[in-house]
């Protein structure tokens, strides 16, 4: 099924309709979590590239936490989340040492 499309229900059984509604609700929650993670990552990368160490330092912990939440909720695979965190930490530490 393409991204952003509603779940199509062929049968009109009560259980089928309920599962379709649950799938829509879950997809909405997952989309919100994924968007939150991507937005925080984008803000952190922007702060790092602009050389603003204090802003990057303030954004690092909430970004890592949001990635951990997305992993625990099943929005991101564990390896994917760990890869994101590793790359962000490397970029942050590199920017921090370049500044010093």
N, C-alpha and C. Protein backbone atom coordinates (compact mmCIF):
# COMPACT_ATOMS: atom_id res chain seq x y z
N UNK A 1 0.84 -1.18 0.00
CA UNK A 1 0.00 0.00 0.00
C UNK A 1 0.89 1.24 0.00
N UNK A 2 0.52 2.21 -0.79
CA UNK A 2 1.32 3.42 -0.91
C UNK A 2 1.24 4.24 0.38
N UNK A 3 2.25 5.02 0.59
CA UNK A 3 2.33 5.82 1.80
C UNK A 3 1.25 6.89 1.80
N UNK A 4 0.58 7.06 2.93
CA UNK A 4 -0.41 8.11 3.07
C UNK A 4 -1.79 7.73 2.59
N UNK A 5 -1.96 6.51 2.08
CA UNK A 5 -3.28 6.09 1.63
C UNK A 5 -4.02 5.40 2.76
N UNK A 6 -5.34 5.55 2.74
CA UNK A 6 -6.16 4.93 3.76
C UNK A 6 -6.23 3.42 3.53
N UNK A 7 -6.49 2.71 4.62
CA UNK A 7 -6.64 1.26 4.53
C UNK A 7 -7.96 0.95 3.83
N UNK A 8 -7.90 0.16 2.77
CA UNK A 8 -9.11 -0.20 2.04
C UNK A 8 -9.74 -1.41 2.70
N UNK A 9 -11.04 -1.34 2.89
CA UNK A 9 -11.77 -2.42 3.53
C UNK A 9 -12.72 -3.02 2.50
N UNK A 10 -12.51 -4.31 2.21
CA UNK A 10 -13.36 -4.97 1.24
C UNK A 10 -14.58 -5.60 1.92
N UNK A 11 -14.39 -6.07 3.14
CA UNK A 11 -15.49 -6.71 3.84
C UNK A 11 -16.08 -5.75 4.86
N UNK A 12 -17.33 -5.96 5.18
CA UNK A 12 -18.03 -5.07 6.11
C UNK A 12 -18.27 -5.72 7.47
N UNK A 13 -17.45 -6.75 7.78
CA UNK A 13 -17.58 -7.36 9.09
C UNK A 13 -17.10 -6.38 10.15
N UNK A 14 -17.68 -6.50 11.32
CA UNK A 14 -17.35 -5.59 12.41
C UNK A 14 -15.87 -5.68 12.78
N UNK A 15 -15.33 -6.89 12.83
CA UNK A 15 -13.93 -7.06 13.23
C UNK A 15 -12.98 -6.49 12.17
N UNK A 16 -13.36 -6.63 10.89
CA UNK A 16 -12.53 -6.10 9.81
C UNK A 16 -12.53 -4.57 9.85
N UNK A 17 -13.69 -3.99 10.09
CA UNK A 17 -13.77 -2.53 10.18
C UNK A 17 -12.97 -2.02 11.38
N UNK A 18 -13.04 -2.76 12.50
CA UNK A 18 -12.31 -2.34 13.69
C UNK A 18 -10.80 -2.40 13.45
N UNK A 19 -10.33 -3.48 12.83
CA UNK A 19 -8.89 -3.60 12.55
C UNK A 19 -8.43 -2.51 11.60
N UNK A 20 -9.25 -2.16 10.62
CA UNK A 20 -8.90 -1.09 9.68
C UNK A 20 -8.79 0.24 10.41
N UNK A 21 -9.72 0.49 11.33
CA UNK A 21 -9.67 1.73 12.10
C UNK A 21 -8.43 1.77 12.99
N UNK A 22 -8.10 0.62 13.60
CA UNK A 22 -6.90 0.56 14.44
C UNK A 22 -5.64 0.79 13.62
N UNK A 23 -5.62 0.24 12.41
CA UNK A 23 -4.46 0.42 11.53
C UNK A 23 -4.30 1.89 11.16
N UNK A 24 -5.41 2.58 10.89
CA UNK A 24 -5.33 4.01 10.57
C UNK A 24 -4.81 4.82 11.75
N UNK A 25 -5.30 4.51 12.95
CA UNK A 25 -4.85 5.23 14.15
C UNK A 25 -3.37 4.98 14.41
N UNK A 26 -2.94 3.73 14.26
CA UNK A 26 -1.54 3.38 14.49
C UNK A 26 -0.65 4.08 13.47
N UNK A 27 -1.10 4.11 12.21
CA UNK A 27 -0.32 4.77 11.17
C UNK A 27 -0.16 6.26 11.47
N UNK A 28 -1.20 6.86 12.01
CA UNK A 28 -1.14 8.28 12.34
C UNK A 28 -0.14 8.55 13.46
N UNK A 29 -0.15 7.69 14.49
CA UNK A 29 0.80 7.83 15.60
C UNK A 29 2.23 7.61 15.11
N UNK A 30 2.41 6.57 14.28
CA UNK A 30 3.74 6.28 13.74
C UNK A 30 4.25 7.43 12.89
N UNK A 31 3.38 8.02 12.08
CA UNK A 31 3.77 9.14 11.22
C UNK A 31 4.19 10.33 12.08
N UNK A 32 3.45 10.59 13.17
CA UNK A 32 3.79 11.70 14.06
C UNK A 32 5.15 11.48 14.71
N UNK A 33 5.40 10.25 15.17
CA UNK A 33 6.69 9.96 15.80
C UNK A 33 7.84 10.07 14.81
N UNK A 34 7.64 9.54 13.60
CA UNK A 34 8.67 9.60 12.57
C UNK A 34 8.96 11.06 12.18
N UNK A 35 7.91 11.87 12.06
CA UNK A 35 8.08 13.28 11.72
C UNK A 35 8.84 14.02 12.81
N UNK A 36 8.51 13.72 14.08
CA UNK A 36 9.18 14.38 15.20
C UNK A 36 10.68 14.07 15.18
N UNK A 37 11.02 12.82 14.94
CA UNK A 37 12.44 12.41 14.89
C UNK A 37 13.14 13.12 13.74
N UNK A 38 12.55 13.10 12.58
CA UNK A 38 13.18 13.72 11.41
C UNK A 38 13.37 15.22 11.58
N UNK A 39 12.38 15.88 12.19
CA UNK A 39 12.48 17.32 12.41
C UNK A 39 13.61 17.64 13.38
N UNK A 40 13.70 16.89 14.48
CA UNK A 40 14.76 17.13 15.45
C UNK A 40 16.13 16.86 14.85
N UNK A 41 16.24 15.80 14.04
CA UNK A 41 17.51 15.49 13.39
C UNK A 41 17.91 16.62 12.43
N UNK A 42 16.94 17.14 11.71
CA UNK A 42 17.22 18.22 10.76
C UNK A 42 17.68 19.48 11.50
N UNK A 43 17.02 19.80 12.63
CA UNK A 43 17.41 20.97 13.42
C UNK A 43 18.84 20.80 13.96
N UNK A 44 19.14 19.61 14.45
CA UNK A 44 20.47 19.35 15.00
C UNK A 44 21.53 19.46 13.92
N UNK A 45 21.28 18.87 12.75
CA UNK A 45 22.24 18.96 11.65
C UNK A 45 22.46 20.40 11.21
N UNK A 46 21.38 21.19 11.19
CA UNK A 46 21.50 22.61 10.83
C UNK A 46 22.34 23.36 11.84
N UNK A 47 22.12 23.09 13.12
CA UNK A 47 22.90 23.76 14.17
C UNK A 47 24.37 23.36 14.08
N UNK A 48 24.63 22.10 13.78
CA UNK A 48 26.02 21.64 13.68
C UNK A 48 26.70 22.28 12.47
N UNK A 49 26.02 22.31 11.34
CA UNK A 49 26.63 22.86 10.12
C UNK A 49 26.83 24.37 10.21
N UNK A 50 25.96 25.05 10.97
CA UNK A 50 26.12 26.49 11.12
C UNK A 50 27.21 26.84 12.14
N UNK A 51 27.68 25.84 12.90
CA UNK A 51 28.75 26.07 13.86
C UNK A 51 28.25 26.56 15.21
N UNK A 52 26.95 26.50 15.44
CA UNK A 52 26.38 26.95 16.70
C UNK A 52 26.45 25.82 17.73
N UNK A 53 27.54 25.78 18.49
CA UNK A 53 27.79 24.66 19.40
C UNK A 53 26.78 24.62 20.55
N UNK A 54 26.38 25.78 21.06
CA UNK A 54 25.45 25.78 22.19
C UNK A 54 24.07 25.28 21.77
N UNK A 55 23.61 25.69 20.59
CA UNK A 55 22.31 25.21 20.11
C UNK A 55 22.37 23.72 19.81
N UNK A 56 23.47 23.28 19.23
CA UNK A 56 23.63 21.86 18.94
C UNK A 56 23.67 21.05 20.23
N UNK A 57 24.36 21.57 21.23
CA UNK A 57 24.42 20.89 22.52
C UNK A 57 23.06 20.78 23.18
N UNK A 58 22.24 21.83 23.03
CA UNK A 58 20.91 21.81 23.61
C UNK A 58 19.98 20.86 22.85
N UNK A 59 20.23 20.65 21.57
CA UNK A 59 19.36 19.79 20.76
C UNK A 59 19.78 18.33 20.78
N UNK A 60 21.01 18.05 21.18
CA UNK A 60 21.53 16.68 21.09
C UNK A 60 20.72 15.70 21.95
N UNK A 61 20.53 16.02 23.21
CA UNK A 61 19.83 15.09 24.12
C UNK A 61 18.38 14.85 23.72
N UNK A 62 17.57 15.88 23.40
CA UNK A 62 16.19 15.62 22.97
C UNK A 62 16.11 14.80 21.68
N UNK A 63 17.08 15.01 20.78
CA UNK A 63 17.09 14.26 19.54
C UNK A 63 17.38 12.78 19.80
N UNK A 64 18.37 12.51 20.63
CA UNK A 64 18.69 11.12 20.97
C UNK A 64 17.51 10.46 21.68
N UNK A 65 16.86 11.20 22.55
CA UNK A 65 15.71 10.67 23.28
C UNK A 65 14.55 10.35 22.32
N UNK A 66 14.31 11.25 21.36
CA UNK A 66 13.23 11.02 20.40
C UNK A 66 13.52 9.79 19.54
N UNK A 67 14.78 9.59 19.19
CA UNK A 67 15.15 8.39 18.42
C UNK A 67 14.92 7.14 19.27
N UNK A 68 15.30 7.19 20.55
CA UNK A 68 15.08 6.05 21.44
C UNK A 68 13.59 5.72 21.59
N UNK A 69 12.77 6.76 21.69
CA UNK A 69 11.32 6.56 21.80
C UNK A 69 10.78 5.91 20.53
N UNK A 70 11.26 6.39 19.38
CA UNK A 70 10.80 5.83 18.11
C UNK A 70 11.22 4.36 17.99
N UNK A 71 12.39 4.02 18.50
CA UNK A 71 12.83 2.62 18.49
C UNK A 71 11.92 1.78 19.38
N UNK A 72 11.65 2.27 20.58
CA UNK A 72 10.84 1.49 21.53
C UNK A 72 9.40 1.34 21.06
N UNK A 73 8.89 2.31 20.31
CA UNK A 73 7.53 2.23 19.79
C UNK A 73 7.44 1.41 18.51
N UNK A 74 8.59 1.02 17.95
CA UNK A 74 8.57 0.23 16.73
C UNK A 74 8.48 1.06 15.47
N UNK A 75 8.66 2.37 15.58
CA UNK A 75 8.60 3.24 14.41
C UNK A 75 9.89 3.10 13.61
N UNK A 76 11.01 3.02 14.32
CA UNK A 76 12.32 2.81 13.68
C UNK A 76 12.87 1.46 14.12
N UNK A 77 13.57 0.80 13.23
CA UNK A 77 14.28 -0.42 13.59
C UNK A 77 15.45 -0.03 14.50
N UNK A 78 15.82 -0.92 15.39
CA UNK A 78 16.86 -0.60 16.38
C UNK A 78 18.18 -0.23 15.70
N UNK A 79 18.57 -0.99 14.69
CA UNK A 79 19.83 -0.69 14.01
C UNK A 79 19.78 0.66 13.31
N UNK A 80 18.65 0.98 12.72
CA UNK A 80 18.49 2.26 12.04
C UNK A 80 18.63 3.41 13.03
N UNK A 81 17.94 3.30 14.16
CA UNK A 81 18.02 4.34 15.18
C UNK A 81 19.43 4.50 15.72
N UNK A 82 20.10 3.37 15.95
CA UNK A 82 21.47 3.45 16.46
C UNK A 82 22.41 4.06 15.43
N UNK A 83 22.17 3.78 14.15
CA UNK A 83 22.99 4.38 13.10
C UNK A 83 22.78 5.89 13.08
N UNK A 84 21.53 6.33 13.18
CA UNK A 84 21.25 7.77 13.23
C UNK A 84 21.96 8.43 14.40
N UNK A 85 21.85 7.81 15.58
CA UNK A 85 22.46 8.39 16.78
C UNK A 85 23.97 8.44 16.64
N UNK A 86 24.56 7.41 16.09
CA UNK A 86 26.01 7.37 15.93
C UNK A 86 26.48 8.48 15.00
N UNK A 87 25.82 8.64 13.88
CA UNK A 87 26.23 9.66 12.92
C UNK A 87 26.03 11.06 13.46
N UNK A 88 24.94 11.28 14.19
CA UNK A 88 24.72 12.60 14.79
C UNK A 88 25.77 12.90 15.86
N UNK A 89 26.11 11.90 16.67
CA UNK A 89 27.12 12.09 17.71
C UNK A 89 28.48 12.37 17.09
N UNK A 90 28.83 11.66 16.03
CA UNK A 90 30.10 11.90 15.34
C UNK A 90 30.15 13.32 14.78
N UNK A 91 29.06 13.75 14.16
CA UNK A 91 29.01 15.10 13.59
C UNK A 91 29.12 16.15 14.70
N UNK A 92 28.41 15.92 15.81
CA UNK A 92 28.44 16.87 16.92
C UNK A 92 29.84 16.96 17.52
N UNK A 93 30.45 15.81 17.78
CA UNK A 93 31.79 15.80 18.38
C UNK A 93 32.83 16.39 17.42
N UNK A 94 32.66 16.12 16.13
CA UNK A 94 33.57 16.71 15.16
C UNK A 94 33.46 18.22 15.12
N UNK A 95 32.24 18.73 15.17
CA UNK A 95 32.03 20.18 15.17
C UNK A 95 32.55 20.81 16.45
N UNK A 96 32.38 20.09 17.55
CA UNK A 96 32.83 20.60 18.85
C UNK A 96 34.35 20.70 18.90
N UNK A 97 35.04 19.68 18.39
CA UNK A 97 36.50 19.71 18.41
C UNK A 97 37.07 20.68 17.38
N UNK A 98 36.37 20.85 16.27
CA UNK A 98 36.83 21.81 15.26
C UNK A 98 36.74 23.22 15.79
N UNK A 99 35.73 23.46 16.65
CA UNK A 99 35.54 24.79 17.23
C UNK A 99 36.64 25.10 18.25
N UNK A 100 37.10 24.07 18.96
CA UNK A 100 38.09 24.28 20.02
C UNK A 100 39.49 24.47 19.54
